[in-house]
């Protein structure tokens, strides 16, 4: 999974970051998948899963930043915002 953020101030890029968490899916049955697809709104999320919901059950192993997996390398963004005086210190 690749997740990126670019921060721009006054028309100039002040920071860019890319995180690459790794998600390993587990083996599961067709019945499990069919049940998952009927319970989750898979078309509302990139990749068709929400690790903060039932989608976590699709995976055997996750390596990397949680916030990057759900869509934004939040800790890195907050660090750079603080360094530019745009977030609480």
Protein backbone atom coordinates (compact mmCIF):
# COMPACT_ATOMS: atom_id res chain seq x y z
CA UNK A 1 0.00 0.00 0.00
CA UNK A 2 1.40 3.42 -0.93
CA UNK A 3 0.18 6.50 0.94
CA UNK A 4 1.51 9.97 0.24
CA UNK A 5 1.05 13.53 1.39
CA UNK A 6 2.33 16.80 -0.02
CA UNK A 7 2.18 19.99 2.00
CA UNK A 8 2.19 23.31 0.14
CA UNK A 9 2.56 26.82 1.54
CA UNK A 10 2.53 30.01 -0.53
CA UNK A 11 2.50 27.92 -3.69
CA UNK A 12 5.65 25.98 -2.80
CA UNK A 13 6.06 22.38 -1.72
CA UNK A 14 7.35 22.44 1.85
CA UNK A 15 7.21 18.72 2.49
CA UNK A 16 6.36 15.47 0.82
CA UNK A 17 6.29 12.02 2.28
CA UNK A 18 5.52 8.53 1.09
CA UNK A 19 4.82 5.59 3.37
CA UNK A 20 4.58 1.99 2.24
CA UNK A 21 2.86 -0.18 4.83
CA UNK A 22 2.60 -3.89 4.04
CA UNK A 23 -0.60 -5.84 4.49
CA UNK A 24 -0.68 -9.62 4.16
CA UNK A 25 -4.08 -11.15 3.54
CA UNK A 26 -4.98 -14.37 5.27
CA UNK A 27 -6.55 -17.40 3.67
CA UNK A 28 -10.31 -17.42 4.07
CA UNK A 29 -13.27 -19.28 2.68
CA UNK A 30 -15.64 -18.16 -0.04
CA UNK A 31 -18.40 -18.19 2.57
CA UNK A 32 -16.43 -15.76 4.75
CA UNK A 33 -15.83 -13.46 1.78
CA UNK A 34 -19.48 -13.51 0.74
CA UNK A 35 -20.56 -12.71 4.31
CA UNK A 36 -18.00 -9.89 4.50
CA UNK A 37 -19.18 -8.41 1.22
CA UNK A 38 -22.80 -8.34 2.38
CA UNK A 39 -21.95 -6.65 5.71
CA UNK A 40 -19.38 -4.07 4.67
CA UNK A 41 -19.83 -1.14 2.31
CA UNK A 42 -16.78 -2.17 0.29
CA UNK A 43 -17.46 0.33 -2.49
CA UNK A 44 -17.04 3.21 -0.04
CA UNK A 45 -13.36 2.57 0.64
CA UNK A 46 -10.21 2.30 -1.41
CA UNK A 47 -9.28 -1.36 -1.54
CA UNK A 48 -12.68 -2.50 -0.27
CA UNK A 49 -11.72 -2.83 3.37
CA UNK A 50 -11.60 -0.80 6.55
CA UNK A 51 -9.01 -2.11 8.98
CA UNK A 52 -10.80 -0.13 11.68
CA UNK A 53 -13.87 -2.27 11.03
CA UNK A 54 -14.58 -5.84 9.97
CA UNK A 55 -11.94 -5.51 7.26
CA UNK A 56 -9.23 -6.23 9.82
CA UNK A 57 -10.37 -9.85 9.62
CA UNK A 58 -9.10 -10.03 6.03
CA UNK A 59 -5.48 -9.76 7.15
CA UNK A 60 -2.98 -12.06 8.78
CA UNK A 61 -0.20 -9.51 9.22
CA UNK A 62 0.15 -5.74 9.04
CA UNK A 63 3.45 -3.91 9.09
CA UNK A 64 3.64 -0.13 9.12
CA UNK A 65 1.87 2.98 10.24
CA UNK A 66 -1.82 2.57 11.09
CA UNK A 67 -2.74 6.08 9.98
CA UNK A 68 -1.06 5.55 6.61
CA UNK A 69 -3.15 2.43 6.09
CA UNK A 70 -6.38 4.32 6.71
CA UNK A 71 -5.36 7.04 4.28
CA UNK A 72 -2.95 9.67 5.62
CA UNK A 73 0.57 9.54 7.10
CA UNK A 74 -0.84 11.61 9.95
CA UNK A 75 2.10 11.54 12.36
CA UNK A 76 4.49 12.77 9.67
CA UNK A 77 2.05 15.48 8.56
CA UNK A 78 1.59 16.69 12.14
CA UNK A 79 5.37 16.80 12.69
CA UNK A 80 5.94 19.00 9.65
CA UNK A 81 2.93 21.22 10.48
CA UNK A 82 4.32 21.76 14.00
CA UNK A 83 7.74 22.60 12.59
CA UNK A 84 6.09 25.35 10.52
CA UNK A 85 3.92 26.61 13.42
CA UNK A 86 0.63 25.24 12.09
CA UNK A 87 -0.24 22.69 14.77
CA UNK A 88 -0.15 22.63 18.58
CA UNK A 89 3.30 21.99 20.00
